[in-house]
N, C-alpha and C. Protein backbone atom coordinates (compact mmCIF):
# COMPACT_ATOMS: atom_id res chain seq x y z
N MET A 1 -15.07 17.49 -9.86
CA MET A 1 -13.83 17.17 -8.45
C MET A 1 -13.56 15.32 -9.03
N SER A 2 -12.57 14.87 -9.87
CA SER A 2 -12.81 14.05 -10.07
C SER A 2 -11.75 13.04 -9.10
N LYS A 3 -12.46 11.85 -8.94
CA LYS A 3 -11.29 11.24 -7.75
C LYS A 3 -10.81 9.65 -8.48
N ILE A 4 -9.56 9.04 -8.26
CA ILE A 4 -9.56 8.00 -8.33
C ILE A 4 -8.61 7.33 -7.21
N ALA A 5 -9.01 5.93 -7.14
CA ALA A 5 -8.29 5.07 -6.13
C ALA A 5 -7.78 3.75 -6.59
N VAL A 6 -6.76 3.42 -7.07
CA VAL A 6 -5.93 2.24 -7.12
C VAL A 6 -5.54 1.04 -6.01
N TYR A 7 -5.76 -0.03 -5.95
CA TYR A 7 -5.56 -0.80 -5.15
C TYR A 7 -4.31 -1.61 -5.66
N PHE A 8 -3.29 -1.79 -4.98
CA PHE A 8 -2.11 -2.76 -5.47
C PHE A 8 -1.90 -3.33 -3.88
N PRO A 9 -2.59 -4.67 -4.23
CA PRO A 9 -2.03 -5.76 -3.15
C PRO A 9 -0.86 -6.54 -3.33
N GLY A 10 -0.79 -7.30 -2.27
CA GLY A 10 0.41 -7.84 -1.58
C GLY A 10 0.37 -9.40 -2.75
N ILE A 11 1.19 -10.35 -2.68
CA ILE A 11 1.56 -11.23 -3.30
C ILE A 11 0.15 -12.41 -2.71
N GLY A 12 -0.23 -12.43 -1.39
CA GLY A 12 -1.09 -13.35 -1.23
C GLY A 12 -1.91 -12.68 -0.33
N TYR A 13 -1.96 -11.43 -0.83
CA TYR A 13 -2.61 -10.53 -0.24
C TYR A 13 -3.51 -9.96 -0.85
N HIS A 14 -4.55 -10.69 -1.46
CA HIS A 14 -5.66 -9.67 -2.56
C HIS A 14 -6.99 -8.62 -2.03
N CYS A 15 -7.52 -8.16 -2.56
CA CYS A 15 -7.76 -6.90 -2.53
C CYS A 15 -8.91 -7.15 -1.71
N ASP A 16 -9.42 -8.49 -1.34
CA ASP A 16 -10.99 -8.48 -0.67
C ASP A 16 -10.26 -9.27 0.70
N LYS A 17 -9.16 -8.77 0.95
CA LYS A 17 -8.63 -8.95 2.47
C LYS A 17 -8.68 -7.91 3.59
N PRO A 18 -9.17 -7.80 4.37
CA PRO A 18 -9.49 -6.72 5.66
C PRO A 18 -8.87 -5.13 5.35
N LEU A 19 -7.72 -5.18 5.15
CA LEU A 19 -7.14 -4.15 4.88
C LEU A 19 -7.53 -3.55 3.27
N LEU A 20 -7.61 -3.55 2.30
CA LEU A 20 -7.62 -3.62 1.45
C LEU A 20 -9.50 -3.59 1.13
N TYR A 21 -9.96 -4.34 0.95
CA TYR A 21 -11.46 -4.60 1.24
C TYR A 21 -12.18 -2.98 2.03
N TYR A 22 -11.89 -2.59 3.24
CA TYR A 22 -12.51 -1.78 4.25
C TYR A 22 -11.86 -0.41 3.85
N SER A 23 -10.62 -0.50 3.34
CA SER A 23 -10.02 0.70 2.39
C SER A 23 -10.80 1.34 1.35
N ARG A 24 -11.09 0.32 0.47
CA ARG A 24 -11.62 0.87 -0.66
C ARG A 24 -13.27 1.22 -0.28
N ASN A 25 -13.74 0.52 0.88
CA ASN A 25 -15.25 0.89 1.03
C ASN A 25 -15.20 2.49 1.78
N ILE A 26 -13.99 2.77 3.02
CA ILE A 26 -14.06 4.12 3.17
C ILE A 26 -13.88 5.17 2.10
N ALA A 27 -13.25 4.33 1.05
CA ALA A 27 -12.29 5.87 0.09
C ALA A 27 -13.86 5.68 -0.81
N CYS A 28 -14.87 4.73 -1.52
CA CYS A 28 -15.60 4.68 -1.75
C CYS A 28 -17.11 5.91 -0.61
N GLU A 29 -16.96 5.48 -0.22
CA GLU A 29 -17.39 6.84 1.12
C GLU A 29 -17.09 7.81 0.90
N LEU A 30 -15.90 8.15 0.29
CA LEU A 30 -15.24 9.55 0.68
C LEU A 30 -15.28 10.24 -0.72
N GLY A 31 -16.19 9.38 -1.78
CA GLY A 31 -16.39 9.98 -3.39
C GLY A 31 -15.20 9.15 -4.02
N TYR A 32 -14.32 8.48 -4.03
CA TYR A 32 -13.66 7.46 -5.00
C TYR A 32 -14.23 6.38 -5.58
N LYS A 33 -15.36 7.08 -6.27
CA LYS A 33 -16.42 6.19 -7.04
C LYS A 33 -15.17 5.45 -8.44
N ASP A 34 -14.68 6.42 -8.82
CA ASP A 34 -13.63 5.14 -10.40
C ASP A 34 -12.43 4.65 -9.01
N TYR A 35 -12.58 3.55 -9.23
CA TYR A 35 -11.47 2.49 -8.73
C TYR A 35 -10.73 1.74 -9.47
N ARG A 36 -9.57 0.54 -9.09
CA ARG A 36 -9.06 -0.17 -9.55
C ARG A 36 -8.64 -1.28 -8.95
N ASN A 37 -9.24 -2.14 -8.89
CA ASN A 37 -8.10 -3.04 -8.02
C ASN A 37 -7.58 -4.22 -8.72
N MET A 38 -6.42 -3.64 -8.52
CA MET A 38 -5.12 -4.37 -9.06
C MET A 38 -4.95 -6.49 -8.94
N SER A 39 -4.95 -7.01 -10.20
CA SER A 39 -4.99 -8.36 -9.71
C SER A 39 -3.48 -9.07 -10.54
N TYR A 40 -2.45 -9.68 -9.71
CA TYR A 40 -1.16 -10.23 -10.30
C TYR A 40 -1.99 -11.78 -10.49
N THR A 41 -0.45 -11.95 -11.63
CA THR A 41 -0.49 -13.56 -12.16
C THR A 41 1.49 -13.74 -11.22
N CYS A 42 1.60 -14.42 -10.40
CA CYS A 42 3.09 -14.60 -9.91
C CYS A 42 3.04 -16.32 -9.65
N ASN A 43 4.10 -16.95 -10.22
CA ASN A 43 4.63 -18.13 -9.81
C ASN A 43 6.05 -17.74 -9.26
N THR A 44 6.55 -17.12 -8.40
CA THR A 44 7.48 -17.24 -7.76
C THR A 44 8.21 -17.95 -6.85
N GLY A 45 7.41 -18.52 -6.55
CA GLY A 45 7.38 -19.13 -5.08
C GLY A 45 7.45 -18.73 -4.08
N ASN A 46 8.35 -18.69 -2.61
CA ASN A 46 8.77 -18.24 -1.76
C ASN A 46 10.09 -16.80 -2.09
N ILE A 47 9.25 -15.88 -1.57
CA ILE A 47 10.18 -14.97 -2.37
C ILE A 47 11.03 -14.19 -0.66
N ARG A 48 10.55 -14.02 0.09
CA ARG A 48 11.09 -13.68 1.52
C ARG A 48 12.51 -13.72 1.46
N GLY A 49 12.91 -12.52 1.83
CA GLY A 49 14.82 -12.50 2.12
C GLY A 49 15.80 -12.69 1.25
N ASN A 50 14.84 -13.08 -0.38
CA ASN A 50 15.66 -13.20 -1.04
C ASN A 50 15.75 -11.98 -1.95
N GLU A 51 16.40 -11.12 -1.88
CA GLU A 51 16.36 -10.06 -3.08
C GLU A 51 16.33 -9.90 -4.72
N GLN A 52 16.99 -11.06 -5.43
CA GLN A 52 16.80 -11.56 -6.45
C GLN A 52 15.62 -11.49 -6.71
N LYS A 53 15.28 -12.71 -6.28
CA LYS A 53 13.46 -12.86 -6.34
C LYS A 53 13.00 -11.55 -6.21
N ILE A 54 12.75 -10.91 -5.18
CA ILE A 54 12.20 -9.74 -5.09
C ILE A 54 12.00 -9.12 -5.90
N LYS A 55 13.16 -8.57 -6.86
CA LYS A 55 13.59 -7.91 -7.73
C LYS A 55 12.36 -8.29 -8.99
N GLU A 56 13.04 -9.55 -8.97
CA GLU A 56 12.35 -10.28 -10.52
C GLU A 56 10.73 -10.75 -9.99
N THR A 57 10.65 -10.55 -9.49
CA THR A 57 8.75 -10.52 -9.09
C THR A 57 8.62 -8.99 -9.06
N TYR A 58 8.75 -8.09 -8.44
CA TYR A 58 8.41 -6.78 -8.80
C TYR A 58 8.61 -6.48 -10.20
N GLU A 59 9.35 -6.61 -10.90
CA GLU A 59 9.10 -6.66 -12.15
C GLU A 59 8.34 -7.12 -12.98
N ALA A 60 8.49 -8.38 -12.75
CA ALA A 60 6.70 -8.68 -13.29
C ALA A 60 5.43 -7.97 -13.28
N LEU A 61 5.16 -8.41 -11.76
CA LEU A 61 3.86 -7.61 -11.64
C LEU A 61 4.04 -6.40 -11.69
N PHE A 62 5.34 -5.32 -11.82
CA PHE A 62 4.76 -4.25 -12.19
C PHE A 62 4.36 -3.81 -14.15
N SER A 63 5.19 -4.93 -14.38
CA SER A 63 4.76 -4.71 -15.98
C SER A 63 3.09 -4.86 -16.60
N GLN A 64 2.72 -5.84 -15.37
CA GLN A 64 1.49 -6.29 -15.44
C GLN A 64 0.48 -4.87 -14.80
N SER A 65 0.83 -4.40 -14.08
CA SER A 65 -0.02 -3.13 -13.32
C SER A 65 0.10 -2.16 -14.46
N GLU A 66 1.66 -2.02 -15.27
CA GLU A 66 1.11 -0.65 -16.13
C GLU A 66 0.25 -1.45 -17.20
N VAL A 67 0.19 -2.83 -17.70
CA VAL A 67 -0.78 -2.87 -19.06
C VAL A 67 -2.21 -3.11 -18.21
N THR A 68 -2.77 -3.21 -17.08
CA THR A 68 -3.61 -3.15 -16.40
C THR A 68 -4.03 -1.69 -16.28
N LEU A 69 -3.10 -0.74 -16.16
CA LEU A 69 -3.27 0.68 -16.13
C LEU A 69 -3.34 1.75 -17.15
N ALA A 70 -2.79 0.68 -18.49
CA ALA A 70 -2.67 1.79 -19.34
C ALA A 70 -4.21 2.73 -20.24
N ASP A 71 -5.23 2.65 -19.40
CA ASP A 71 -5.86 3.00 -20.31
C ASP A 71 -6.90 4.05 -19.37
N ILE A 72 -5.59 4.51 -18.21
CA ILE A 72 -6.50 4.98 -17.36
C ILE A 72 -5.73 6.40 -17.92
N ASP A 73 -6.70 7.88 -17.86
CA ASP A 73 -5.77 9.33 -18.35
C ASP A 73 -5.59 9.85 -17.09
N TRP A 74 -5.12 9.74 -16.60
CA TRP A 74 -4.01 10.50 -15.01
C TRP A 74 -4.55 11.61 -15.04
N SER A 75 -4.80 12.64 -16.24
CA SER A 75 -4.53 13.88 -16.31
C SER A 75 -5.90 14.41 -16.00
N VAL A 76 -7.46 14.16 -16.07
CA VAL A 76 -8.98 13.99 -15.36
C VAL A 76 -8.92 13.98 -14.15
N TYR A 77 -8.37 13.60 -13.98
CA TYR A 77 -8.17 13.25 -11.80
C TYR A 77 -7.27 13.85 -11.08
N HIS A 78 -8.41 14.50 -10.37
CA HIS A 78 -7.24 15.86 -9.53
C HIS A 78 -7.36 15.20 -8.05
N ASP A 79 -7.84 14.48 -8.14
CA ASP A 79 -6.85 13.29 -6.73
C ASP A 79 -7.04 11.52 -7.09
N VAL A 80 -5.99 11.11 -6.82
CA VAL A 80 -5.23 10.05 -7.41
C VAL A 80 -5.00 9.22 -6.11
N LEU A 81 -5.85 8.47 -5.68
CA LEU A 81 -5.08 7.70 -4.52
C LEU A 81 -4.73 5.97 -4.77
N PHE A 82 -3.86 5.99 -3.94
CA PHE A 82 -3.01 4.95 -4.04
C PHE A 82 -2.88 4.03 -3.56
N ILE A 83 -3.52 2.93 -2.52
CA ILE A 83 -3.77 2.51 -1.48
C ILE A 83 -3.46 0.90 -1.77
N SER A 84 -1.60 0.43 -0.92
CA SER A 84 -1.22 -0.49 -1.48
C SER A 84 -0.64 -1.61 -0.23
N LYS A 85 -0.05 -2.63 -0.62
CA LYS A 85 -0.12 -3.38 0.56
C LYS A 85 1.36 -4.43 0.23
N SER A 86 2.04 -4.72 0.95
CA SER A 86 3.37 -5.32 0.73
C SER A 86 3.86 -4.94 -0.57
N ILE A 87 4.30 -6.17 -1.44
CA ILE A 87 5.27 -5.50 -2.81
C ILE A 87 4.05 -4.74 -3.24
N GLY A 88 2.83 -4.99 -2.97
CA GLY A 88 1.96 -3.62 -4.07
C GLY A 88 2.70 -1.89 -3.63
N THR A 89 3.24 -2.34 -2.61
CA THR A 89 3.81 -0.63 -1.85
C THR A 89 5.15 -0.25 -2.93
N ILE A 90 5.79 -1.22 -3.47
CA ILE A 90 7.14 -1.09 -4.28
C ILE A 90 6.62 -0.35 -5.57
N ILE A 91 5.51 -1.56 -6.04
CA ILE A 91 4.79 -1.76 -6.90
C ILE A 91 4.06 0.04 -7.70
N ALA A 92 3.63 0.65 -6.33
CA ALA A 92 2.36 1.93 -6.49
C ALA A 92 3.39 3.29 -6.74
N SER A 93 4.49 3.04 -5.88
CA SER A 93 5.43 4.21 -5.32
C SER A 93 6.64 3.92 -6.37
N SER A 94 6.14 3.48 -6.87
CA SER A 94 7.16 3.47 -8.13
C SER A 94 6.71 3.84 -9.66
N TYR A 95 5.80 3.09 -9.46
CA TYR A 95 4.54 3.69 -10.61
C TYR A 95 4.17 4.87 -10.67
N ALA A 96 3.88 5.81 -9.70
CA ALA A 96 3.68 6.86 -9.68
C ALA A 96 4.87 7.80 -9.69
N GLN A 97 6.09 7.56 -8.99
CA GLN A 97 7.40 8.24 -9.82
C GLN A 97 7.21 8.05 -11.52
N LYS A 98 7.34 6.77 -12.11
CA LYS A 98 7.64 6.76 -13.59
C LYS A 98 6.91 7.19 -14.14
N TYR A 99 5.38 7.48 -13.90
CA TYR A 99 5.05 8.18 -14.72
C TYR A 99 4.39 10.01 -14.24
N GLY A 100 5.31 10.50 -12.96
CA GLY A 100 4.86 11.82 -12.95
C GLY A 100 3.96 11.92 -12.05
N LEU A 101 3.25 10.86 -11.08
CA LEU A 101 2.17 11.52 -10.71
C LEU A 101 2.44 11.71 -9.06
N HIS A 102 2.77 12.75 -9.11
CA HIS A 102 3.66 13.58 -8.29
C HIS A 102 2.37 14.00 -7.22
N HIS A 103 1.03 14.82 -7.84
CA HIS A 103 0.27 14.44 -6.75
C HIS A 103 -0.61 12.79 -6.25
N ALA A 104 -0.16 12.18 -6.83
CA ALA A 104 -0.74 10.53 -5.88
C ALA A 104 -0.61 10.43 -4.19
N ARG A 105 -1.37 10.51 -3.88
CA ARG A 105 -0.89 9.81 -2.51
C ARG A 105 -1.18 8.47 -1.67
N HIS A 106 -0.32 8.27 -0.77
CA HIS A 106 -0.15 6.69 -1.23
C HIS A 106 -0.53 6.50 0.54
N ILE A 107 -1.14 5.12 0.87
CA ILE A 107 -1.44 4.75 1.83
C ILE A 107 -0.77 3.19 1.30
N LEU A 108 0.20 3.15 2.61
CA LEU A 108 1.34 2.45 2.36
C LEU A 108 1.27 1.45 3.96
N TYR A 109 0.07 -0.28 3.58
CA TYR A 109 0.10 -1.27 4.55
C TYR A 109 1.51 -1.99 4.77
N THR A 110 1.97 -2.09 5.17
CA THR A 110 3.60 -2.91 5.28
C THR A 110 4.40 -2.75 5.10
N PRO A 111 4.64 -1.67 4.41
CA PRO A 111 5.77 -1.84 3.09
C PRO A 111 7.16 -2.24 3.11
N LEU A 112 8.08 -2.76 2.03
CA LEU A 112 8.72 -3.11 2.16
C LEU A 112 10.07 -1.79 2.00
N THR A 113 10.97 -2.42 2.43
CA THR A 113 12.41 -1.64 2.32
C THR A 113 12.33 -1.00 0.42
N GLN A 114 12.17 -1.57 0.03
CA GLN A 114 12.52 -1.25 -1.53
C GLN A 114 11.64 -0.13 -1.48
N THR A 115 10.38 0.10 -1.00
CA THR A 115 9.35 1.00 -1.38
C THR A 115 9.82 1.87 -1.25
N TYR A 116 10.94 2.53 -0.67
CA TYR A 116 11.89 3.77 -0.33
C TYR A 116 12.35 4.20 -1.10
N HIS A 117 12.85 3.73 -2.07
CA HIS A 117 13.59 3.82 -3.18
C HIS A 117 13.59 5.23 -4.11
N PHE A 118 12.36 4.82 -3.73
CA PHE A 118 10.91 5.39 -5.14
C PHE A 118 10.28 6.81 -5.09
N ALA A 119 10.88 7.21 -2.78
CA ALA A 119 10.65 7.75 -2.38
C ALA A 119 8.87 8.24 -2.78
N PRO A 120 8.30 7.39 -2.10
CA PRO A 120 6.93 7.83 -2.24
C PRO A 120 6.46 9.21 -1.47
N TYR A 121 5.76 10.17 -2.21
CA TYR A 121 5.70 11.86 -1.56
C TYR A 121 3.98 11.52 -1.34
N ASN A 122 4.14 12.51 0.14
CA ASN A 122 2.21 12.64 0.43
C ASN A 122 1.66 11.07 0.85
N ALA A 123 1.99 10.37 1.78
CA ALA A 123 2.17 8.81 2.11
C ALA A 123 1.86 9.22 3.89
N ILE A 124 1.63 7.97 3.71
CA ILE A 124 1.29 7.71 5.91
C ILE A 124 0.78 5.67 5.60
N GLY A 125 2.15 5.22 6.29
CA GLY A 125 2.32 3.92 6.65
C GLY A 125 2.16 3.26 7.82
N PHE A 126 1.85 2.01 7.87
CA PHE A 126 1.46 1.13 8.93
C PHE A 126 2.23 0.00 8.78
N ILE A 127 2.90 -0.37 9.95
CA ILE A 127 3.62 -1.50 10.12
C ILE A 127 3.18 -2.10 11.53
N GLY A 128 3.47 -3.60 11.56
CA GLY A 128 3.55 -4.40 12.85
C GLY A 128 4.80 -4.68 13.44
N THR A 129 5.16 -4.76 14.77
CA THR A 129 6.98 -5.36 14.86
C THR A 129 6.89 -6.65 15.03
N ALA A 130 6.25 -7.13 14.60
CA ALA A 130 6.22 -8.87 14.91
C ALA A 130 6.36 -9.28 13.23
N ASP A 131 6.36 -8.51 12.14
CA ASP A 131 6.37 -8.61 10.61
C ASP A 131 7.49 -9.35 9.76
N PRO A 132 7.96 -10.43 9.21
CA PRO A 132 8.71 -11.82 9.05
C PRO A 132 8.87 -10.76 7.49
N TRP A 133 8.44 -9.58 7.17
CA TRP A 133 8.43 -9.41 5.87
C TRP A 133 9.76 -8.00 5.96
N SER A 134 9.45 -7.30 7.01
CA SER A 134 10.43 -6.19 7.29
C SER A 134 10.65 -6.27 8.62
N ASN A 135 11.72 -5.49 8.41
CA ASN A 135 12.80 -4.62 9.75
C ASN A 135 12.02 -3.70 10.22
N ALA A 136 10.98 -3.77 11.46
CA ALA A 136 10.09 -2.33 11.81
C ALA A 136 10.97 -1.18 12.36
N ASP A 137 11.96 -1.25 12.46
CA ASP A 137 12.89 -0.56 12.66
C ASP A 137 13.54 0.46 11.96
N GLU A 138 13.79 -0.54 10.89
CA GLU A 138 14.16 -0.18 9.76
C GLU A 138 13.13 0.56 8.91
N ILE A 139 12.01 -0.08 8.52
CA ILE A 139 10.89 0.83 8.08
C ILE A 139 10.40 1.86 8.76
N ILE A 140 10.38 2.31 10.05
CA ILE A 140 10.11 3.00 10.85
C ILE A 140 11.12 4.57 10.19
N GLN A 141 12.68 4.12 10.45
CA GLN A 141 13.36 4.76 10.09
C GLN A 141 13.18 5.48 8.69
N LEU A 142 13.22 4.83 7.60
CA LEU A 142 13.29 5.22 6.23
C LEU A 142 11.59 6.05 6.62
N SER A 143 10.86 5.16 7.03
CA SER A 143 9.06 6.28 6.95
C SER A 143 9.85 7.98 7.90
N ASN A 144 10.71 8.19 8.19
CA ASN A 144 10.61 9.43 9.20
C ASN A 144 11.85 10.13 8.14
N ALA A 145 12.41 9.75 7.44
CA ALA A 145 13.91 10.25 6.36
C ALA A 145 12.75 10.61 5.41
N ASN A 146 11.48 10.29 5.33
CA ASN A 146 11.13 10.55 3.94
C ASN A 146 9.58 11.02 4.04
N HIS A 147 9.94 11.71 5.66
CA HIS A 147 8.75 12.46 6.50
C HIS A 147 7.29 11.88 6.16
N ILE A 148 7.05 10.00 6.22
CA ILE A 148 5.83 10.00 6.32
C ILE A 148 5.21 9.46 7.37
N PRO A 149 4.25 9.95 8.36
CA PRO A 149 3.48 8.92 9.13
C PRO A 149 3.40 7.81 9.08
N ILE A 150 4.32 7.42 10.20
CA ILE A 150 3.90 5.79 10.55
C ILE A 150 3.11 5.20 11.57
N ALA A 151 1.93 4.64 11.81
CA ALA A 151 1.41 3.68 13.01
C ALA A 151 2.40 2.39 12.64
N VAL A 152 2.67 1.96 14.26
CA VAL A 152 3.07 1.24 14.84
C VAL A 152 2.18 0.43 15.41
N TYR A 153 2.26 -1.20 14.82
CA TYR A 153 1.05 -1.87 15.76
C TYR A 153 2.34 -3.15 16.78
N GLU A 154 2.21 -3.14 18.02
CA GLU A 154 2.83 -3.83 18.84
C GLU A 154 2.62 -5.43 18.55
N GLY A 155 3.46 -6.26 18.45
CA GLY A 155 3.07 -7.35 17.67
C GLY A 155 2.52 -8.42 16.65
N CYS A 156 2.13 -7.36 15.69
CA CYS A 156 1.79 -7.86 14.87
C CYS A 156 2.28 -7.95 13.54
N ASN A 157 1.77 -9.03 12.98
CA ASN A 157 2.59 -9.85 11.43
C ASN A 157 2.42 -8.53 10.47
N HIS A 158 2.67 -9.27 8.80
CA HIS A 158 2.62 -8.66 7.59
C HIS A 158 1.07 -8.52 7.45
N SER A 159 0.14 -9.42 8.16
CA SER A 159 -1.46 -9.28 8.17
C SER A 159 -1.58 -8.01 8.70
N LEU A 160 -1.06 -7.28 9.78
CA LEU A 160 -0.90 -6.30 10.91
C LEU A 160 -1.94 -7.26 11.81
N GLU A 161 -2.10 -7.94 11.86
CA GLU A 161 -2.74 -9.06 12.75
C GLU A 161 -1.77 -10.01 13.96
N CYS A 162 -2.61 -10.00 15.25
CA CYS A 162 -1.66 -10.80 16.02
C CYS A 162 -2.36 -12.14 16.66
N ALA A 163 -2.56 -12.52 17.66
CA ALA A 163 -2.77 -13.82 18.22
C ALA A 163 -4.05 -13.62 18.36
N ASN A 164 -4.65 -12.18 18.92
CA ASN A 164 -5.85 -12.05 19.59
C ASN A 164 -6.82 -11.49 18.75
N THR A 165 -7.86 -12.33 18.34
CA THR A 165 -8.69 -11.70 17.54
C THR A 165 -9.47 -10.05 18.14
N LEU A 166 -9.36 -10.19 19.02
CA LEU A 166 -10.39 -8.61 19.06
C LEU A 166 -9.40 -7.58 19.24
N LYS A 167 -8.40 -7.75 19.77
CA LYS A 167 -7.32 -7.02 19.59
C LYS A 167 -6.61 -6.35 18.00
N ASN A 168 -6.88 -7.58 16.89
CA ASN A 168 -7.30 -7.10 15.64
C ASN A 168 -8.22 -6.99 15.23
N ILE A 169 -9.43 -6.82 15.88
CA ILE A 169 -10.52 -5.90 15.47
C ILE A 169 -10.13 -4.30 15.62
N GLU A 170 -10.07 -4.03 17.40
CA GLU A 170 -9.64 -3.13 17.63
C GLU A 170 -8.43 -2.08 16.78
N ASN A 171 -7.75 -3.30 16.47
CA ASN A 171 -6.22 -2.84 15.54
C ASN A 171 -6.99 -2.18 14.17
N LEU A 172 -7.56 -2.55 13.46
CA LEU A 172 -8.47 -2.70 12.30
C LEU A 172 -9.20 -1.40 12.59
N ARG A 173 -9.85 -1.07 13.63
CA ARG A 173 -10.60 -0.36 13.39
C ARG A 173 -9.87 1.40 13.48
N ASP A 174 -8.45 1.73 14.53
CA ASP A 174 -7.59 2.26 14.61
C ASP A 174 -7.21 2.21 12.86
N ILE A 175 -6.68 1.16 12.11
CA ILE A 175 -6.12 1.69 11.52
C ILE A 175 -7.20 2.22 9.57
N MET A 176 -8.40 1.92 10.00
CA MET A 176 -9.21 2.15 9.09
C MET A 176 -9.75 3.84 9.63
N GLN A 177 -9.59 4.12 11.11
CA GLN A 177 -10.18 5.86 11.22
C GLN A 177 -8.88 6.26 10.48
N ARG A 178 -7.52 6.10 10.80
CA ARG A 178 -6.30 6.26 10.16
C ARG A 178 -6.36 6.82 8.93
N THR A 179 -6.70 5.38 8.41
CA THR A 179 -7.31 5.56 6.59
C THR A 179 -7.70 6.73 5.90
N MET A 180 -9.17 6.75 7.23
CA MET A 180 -10.29 7.58 6.36
C MET A 180 -9.86 8.98 6.85
N ASP A 181 -9.19 9.77 7.98
CA ASP A 181 -8.06 10.46 8.01
C ASP A 181 -7.94 11.32 7.04
N PHE A 182 -6.88 10.22 6.65
CA PHE A 182 -5.13 10.64 5.33
C PHE A 182 -6.21 10.82 4.43
N CYS A 183 -7.60 9.53 3.69
CA CYS A 183 -8.49 10.29 2.57
C CYS A 183 -8.70 11.77 2.43
N LYS A 184 -9.46 12.10 3.77
CA LYS A 184 -10.02 12.89 4.21
C LYS A 184 -8.96 14.34 3.87
N GLY A 185 -7.27 13.84 4.45
CA GLY A 185 -6.56 14.83 4.46
C GLY A 185 -6.50 15.94 5.59
N THR A 186 -6.69 15.01 6.36
CA THR A 186 -6.65 15.40 7.88
C THR A 186 -5.86 14.96 8.91
N ARG A 187 -5.33 13.58 8.61
CA ARG A 187 -4.56 12.90 8.91
C ARG A 187 -4.48 12.46 10.10
């Protein structure tokens, strides 16, 4: 029973920030001993709201991901888990589609609209209602249309945080419990 987890961060949200850090710990506890943390080089500046810049950035980061993952023989893994954040959700979904990884499961932290162009299969999502990068209502509709359960956090931003630290800790616990349930297959 071989398992692998791959972490696709956002541009400013690297793999040691809370969502990816704790989800990696959970996955490791659940037997995902093989894992790969993606790291990108990106100098495109502010891309929010600029479709062309988002597309160019996505293409550059996707190419970097292909190079980083080129040595993985996906056929030896019966369980492939892609955990992604922001623009990383687009990269993970499109990578799975391009390489025929239909058995890959996806955890989508703050997905962007473009993620759904690649119809991630067997996924769960998380979004905040105050996310300046995504229209939460649109993400909820896209998730529902793609049969992706989505947890919605009132007043939370693109890091799934709000102005109340104790509420953030409470939300993080809920997010990680849902993440663990999904990793176990119990959602």
